[in-house]
Structures are given as C-alpha cells and as structure tokens.
Amino acid sequence: MEIGEFSRAVRTYCMKFSGSVTSWIRSPNHNHLVGGVPDSLHLDGLAVDVVYDGARPGSEADAELVAYGLVRIAEGDHDHIMAARKG
C-alpha cells in the first residue's frame, strides 16, 4: 500500500467514525521513546493512532477497515490502525 492510498483510507475512516489521528509518521528516535517496535509502520507513514469523539466503534469499523486493506488494534485509550502486512 502506498502512503497516499493509506492516507485517503484513514481520512475516510475517521470521518465516518468520528476519529482523530494523534500520531502518524515517527522518526526512529521518537518511535523508540514512545515504545514503538523497531519495524513499526509508523516509520513508513503506514500506521496511525486514532482517538474517537465518542465510544470506540465496534465490529462494523473492523469490516470497513478490512475493505480498505487496514487492520485495527485496540491499545488502551486509542486504536492503532495500520496497513495490513502482506505475507
């Protein structure tokens, strides 16, 4: 997935589910400081952290993300959304 396609999918998702991106592209140093894994897709601009205006959306959001080629991982107070890894 290219960064432009990822960006458009995240924007569409956030508009539909009232989400806001709080972290996107990270430098290796910042990624390390926040506890990111060394091969984090944040380093390539293919992962974001999202918070919501209301409650975290349910399974309907996951189905939408799959259609975009994305996956969601709940991480405490936010969702980590990233491009699906191939292979």
N, C-alpha and C. Protein backbone atom coordinates (compact mmCIF):
# COMPACT_ATOMS: atom_id res chain seq x y z
N MET A 1 0.85 -1.18 0.00
CA MET A 1 0.00 0.00 0.00
C MET A 1 0.89 1.24 0.00
N GLU A 2 0.54 2.19 -0.82
CA GLU A 2 1.27 3.46 -0.87
C GLU A 2 0.73 4.42 0.18
N ILE A 3 1.54 5.37 0.58
CA ILE A 3 1.16 6.31 1.64
C ILE A 3 -0.07 7.14 1.27
N GLY A 4 -0.21 7.51 0.01
CA GLY A 4 -1.38 8.29 -0.40
C GLY A 4 -2.67 7.50 -0.25
N GLU A 5 -2.65 6.24 -0.66
CA GLU A 5 -3.82 5.37 -0.51
C GLU A 5 -4.14 5.17 0.97
N PHE A 6 -3.10 4.96 1.78
CA PHE A 6 -3.30 4.81 3.22
C PHE A 6 -3.93 6.06 3.82
N SER A 7 -3.40 7.21 3.47
CA SER A 7 -3.90 8.48 3.98
C SER A 7 -5.38 8.69 3.63
N ARG A 8 -5.75 8.41 2.40
CA ARG A 8 -7.15 8.56 1.99
C ARG A 8 -8.06 7.60 2.75
N ALA A 9 -7.62 6.37 2.95
CA ALA A 9 -8.42 5.38 3.69
C ALA A 9 -8.60 5.81 5.14
N VAL A 10 -7.53 6.29 5.77
CA VAL A 10 -7.63 6.74 7.17
C VAL A 10 -8.55 7.95 7.28
N ARG A 11 -8.45 8.88 6.35
CA ARG A 11 -9.34 10.05 6.38
C ARG A 11 -10.80 9.62 6.26
N THR A 12 -11.09 8.75 5.32
CA THR A 12 -12.46 8.27 5.15
C THR A 12 -12.96 7.59 6.41
N TYR A 13 -12.13 6.73 6.99
CA TYR A 13 -12.49 6.03 8.22
C TYR A 13 -12.75 7.01 9.37
N CYS A 14 -11.86 7.97 9.55
CA CYS A 14 -12.01 8.93 10.65
C CYS A 14 -13.26 9.80 10.49
N MET A 15 -13.57 10.18 9.27
CA MET A 15 -14.78 10.98 9.05
C MET A 15 -16.03 10.15 9.36
N LYS A 16 -16.02 8.89 8.99
CA LYS A 16 -17.19 8.04 9.21
C LYS A 16 -17.39 7.70 10.69
N PHE A 17 -16.30 7.49 11.42
CA PHE A 17 -16.40 7.02 12.81
C PHE A 17 -15.96 8.08 13.83
N SER A 18 -15.91 9.35 13.43
CA SER A 18 -15.59 10.48 14.32
C SER A 18 -14.27 10.26 15.06
N GLY A 19 -13.24 9.96 14.29
CA GLY A 19 -11.92 9.74 14.86
C GLY A 19 -10.95 10.85 14.50
N SER A 20 -9.93 10.99 15.32
CA SER A 20 -8.85 11.96 15.08
C SER A 20 -7.50 11.26 15.21
N VAL A 21 -6.60 11.52 14.29
CA VAL A 21 -5.26 10.94 14.33
C VAL A 21 -4.42 11.72 15.34
N THR A 22 -3.79 10.98 16.26
CA THR A 22 -2.93 11.63 17.27
C THR A 22 -1.46 11.33 17.04
N SER A 23 -1.14 10.33 16.23
CA SER A 23 0.25 10.01 15.91
C SER A 23 0.27 9.38 14.52
N TRP A 24 1.20 9.84 13.68
CA TRP A 24 1.27 9.28 12.34
C TRP A 24 2.72 8.92 12.06
N ILE A 25 3.42 9.70 11.26
CA ILE A 25 4.80 9.39 10.89
C ILE A 25 5.72 9.72 12.06
N ARG A 26 6.59 8.77 12.39
CA ARG A 26 7.52 8.95 13.50
C ARG A 26 8.97 8.81 13.01
N SER A 27 9.84 9.57 13.65
CA SER A 27 11.27 9.35 13.45
C SER A 27 11.66 8.09 14.24
N PRO A 28 12.76 7.45 13.87
CA PRO A 28 13.19 6.28 14.65
C PRO A 28 13.40 6.60 16.13
N ASN A 29 13.93 7.77 16.43
CA ASN A 29 14.16 8.13 17.83
C ASN A 29 12.84 8.29 18.58
N HIS A 30 11.89 9.02 18.00
CA HIS A 30 10.60 9.20 18.66
C HIS A 30 9.88 7.86 18.81
N ASN A 31 9.94 7.03 17.79
CA ASN A 31 9.31 5.71 17.86
C ASN A 31 9.87 4.92 19.04
N HIS A 32 11.18 4.97 19.21
CA HIS A 32 11.82 4.28 20.33
C HIS A 32 11.36 4.87 21.67
N LEU A 33 11.31 6.20 21.75
CA LEU A 33 10.93 6.87 23.01
C LEU A 33 9.51 6.55 23.44
N VAL A 34 8.61 6.33 22.48
CA VAL A 34 7.22 6.03 22.85
C VAL A 34 6.96 4.52 22.94
N GLY A 35 8.00 3.72 22.83
CA GLY A 35 7.85 2.28 22.98
C GLY A 35 7.43 1.55 21.73
N GLY A 36 7.59 2.18 20.57
CA GLY A 36 7.23 1.53 19.31
C GLY A 36 8.20 0.41 18.97
N VAL A 37 7.71 -0.57 18.25
CA VAL A 37 8.57 -1.68 17.84
C VAL A 37 9.51 -1.22 16.72
N PRO A 38 10.69 -1.83 16.61
CA PRO A 38 11.66 -1.38 15.62
C PRO A 38 11.17 -1.39 14.17
N ASP A 39 10.27 -2.29 13.82
CA ASP A 39 9.77 -2.34 12.44
C ASP A 39 8.37 -1.72 12.32
N SER A 40 8.06 -0.77 13.19
CA SER A 40 6.75 -0.11 13.20
C SER A 40 6.43 0.52 11.85
N LEU A 41 5.20 0.36 11.41
CA LEU A 41 4.77 1.00 10.17
C LEU A 41 4.61 2.51 10.34
N HIS A 42 4.66 3.02 11.58
CA HIS A 42 4.68 4.47 11.79
C HIS A 42 5.91 5.07 11.10
N LEU A 43 6.99 4.32 11.05
CA LEU A 43 8.23 4.80 10.43
C LEU A 43 8.08 5.02 8.93
N ASP A 44 7.15 4.29 8.32
CA ASP A 44 6.90 4.41 6.88
C ASP A 44 5.66 5.22 6.55
N GLY A 45 4.99 5.75 7.58
CA GLY A 45 3.76 6.52 7.35
C GLY A 45 2.57 5.63 7.04
N LEU A 46 2.65 4.35 7.40
CA LEU A 46 1.56 3.42 7.11
C LEU A 46 0.87 2.92 8.38
N ALA A 47 0.95 3.73 9.44
CA ALA A 47 0.24 3.44 10.69
C ALA A 47 -0.10 4.76 11.36
N VAL A 48 -1.25 4.76 12.03
CA VAL A 48 -1.69 5.93 12.79
C VAL A 48 -2.29 5.46 14.11
N ASP A 49 -2.34 6.37 15.06
CA ASP A 49 -3.08 6.16 16.29
C ASP A 49 -4.29 7.08 16.24
N VAL A 50 -5.46 6.54 16.60
CA VAL A 50 -6.72 7.26 16.47
C VAL A 50 -7.47 7.25 17.80
N VAL A 51 -8.01 8.42 18.17
CA VAL A 51 -8.95 8.54 19.28
C VAL A 51 -10.29 8.96 18.69
N TYR A 52 -11.36 8.74 19.46
CA TYR A 52 -12.72 8.98 18.96
C TYR A 52 -13.44 10.03 19.79
N ASP A 53 -14.38 10.74 19.15
CA ASP A 53 -15.18 11.73 19.85
C ASP A 53 -16.09 11.08 20.87
N GLY A 54 -16.54 9.86 20.60
CA GLY A 54 -17.41 9.11 21.49
C GLY A 54 -16.80 7.76 21.79
N ALA A 55 -17.65 6.77 21.90
CA ALA A 55 -17.20 5.41 22.18
C ALA A 55 -16.44 4.84 20.99
N ARG A 56 -15.51 3.95 21.27
CA ARG A 56 -14.76 3.25 20.23
C ARG A 56 -15.75 2.44 19.39
N PRO A 57 -15.68 2.53 18.06
CA PRO A 57 -16.61 1.78 17.23
C PRO A 57 -16.37 0.28 17.35
N GLY A 58 -17.39 -0.49 17.02
CA GLY A 58 -17.34 -1.93 17.15
C GLY A 58 -16.95 -2.63 15.87
N SER A 59 -17.52 -3.81 15.69
CA SER A 59 -17.12 -4.69 14.58
C SER A 59 -17.41 -4.09 13.21
N GLU A 60 -18.38 -3.17 13.11
CA GLU A 60 -18.64 -2.54 11.82
C GLU A 60 -17.44 -1.75 11.34
N ALA A 61 -16.67 -1.20 12.27
CA ALA A 61 -15.46 -0.47 11.90
C ALA A 61 -14.40 -1.43 11.39
N ASP A 62 -14.29 -2.59 12.02
CA ASP A 62 -13.30 -3.57 11.55
C ASP A 62 -13.60 -4.03 10.14
N ALA A 63 -14.88 -4.26 9.84
CA ALA A 63 -15.26 -4.68 8.48
C ALA A 63 -14.89 -3.60 7.47
N GLU A 64 -15.11 -2.36 7.83
CA GLU A 64 -14.77 -1.24 6.94
C GLU A 64 -13.26 -1.19 6.71
N LEU A 65 -12.49 -1.36 7.77
CA LEU A 65 -11.03 -1.32 7.65
C LEU A 65 -10.50 -2.43 6.76
N VAL A 66 -11.05 -3.63 6.90
CA VAL A 66 -10.63 -4.74 6.04
C VAL A 66 -10.86 -4.39 4.58
N ALA A 67 -11.98 -3.75 4.29
CA ALA A 67 -12.27 -3.34 2.91
C ALA A 67 -11.23 -2.35 2.39
N TYR A 68 -10.65 -1.54 3.29
CA TYR A 68 -9.61 -0.57 2.92
C TYR A 68 -8.22 -1.20 2.89
N GLY A 69 -8.07 -2.45 3.35
CA GLY A 69 -6.75 -3.07 3.45
C GLY A 69 -6.02 -2.69 4.71
N LEU A 70 -6.78 -2.33 5.76
CA LEU A 70 -6.20 -1.91 7.04
C LEU A 70 -6.61 -2.85 8.16
N VAL A 71 -5.88 -2.80 9.26
CA VAL A 71 -6.23 -3.53 10.46
C VAL A 71 -6.20 -2.59 11.65
N ARG A 72 -6.96 -2.96 12.70
CA ARG A 72 -7.07 -2.11 13.89
C ARG A 72 -6.69 -2.94 15.11
N ILE A 73 -5.89 -2.33 15.98
CA ILE A 73 -5.52 -2.95 17.25
C ILE A 73 -5.88 -1.96 18.36
N ALA A 74 -6.74 -2.38 19.29
CA ALA A 74 -7.10 -1.53 20.42
C ALA A 74 -5.91 -1.48 21.38
N GLU A 75 -5.50 -0.25 21.72
CA GLU A 75 -4.37 -0.05 22.63
C GLU A 75 -4.76 0.95 23.70
N GLY A 76 -5.40 0.49 24.74
CA GLY A 76 -5.77 1.36 25.84
C GLY A 76 -6.71 2.46 25.41
N ASP A 77 -6.24 3.69 25.41
CA ASP A 77 -7.10 4.85 25.13
C ASP A 77 -7.17 5.23 23.65
N HIS A 78 -6.59 4.42 22.78
CA HIS A 78 -6.63 4.72 21.35
C HIS A 78 -6.60 3.43 20.54
N ASP A 79 -6.85 3.55 19.25
CA ASP A 79 -6.70 2.43 18.32
C ASP A 79 -5.47 2.69 17.46
N HIS A 80 -4.71 1.63 17.24
CA HIS A 80 -3.59 1.64 16.31
C HIS A 80 -4.14 1.07 15.01
N ILE A 81 -4.07 1.85 13.95
CA ILE A 81 -4.58 1.42 12.64
C ILE A 81 -3.39 1.42 11.67
N MET A 82 -3.24 0.30 10.97
CA MET A 82 -2.10 0.17 10.07
C MET A 82 -2.48 -0.58 8.80
N ALA A 83 -1.64 -0.41 7.80
CA ALA A 83 -1.80 -1.18 6.57
C ALA A 83 -1.61 -2.65 6.91
N ALA A 84 -2.42 -3.51 6.31
CA ALA A 84 -2.26 -4.95 6.52
C ALA A 84 -0.92 -5.37 5.94
N ARG A 85 -0.19 -6.13 6.72
CA ARG A 85 1.11 -6.63 6.25
C ARG A 85 0.88 -7.81 5.33
N LYS A 86 1.63 -7.86 4.26
CA LYS A 86 1.49 -8.97 3.31
C LYS A 86 2.48 -10.05 3.65
N GLY A 87 2.02 -11.29 3.45
CA GLY A 87 2.90 -12.43 3.68
C GLY A 87 2.93 -12.77 5.09
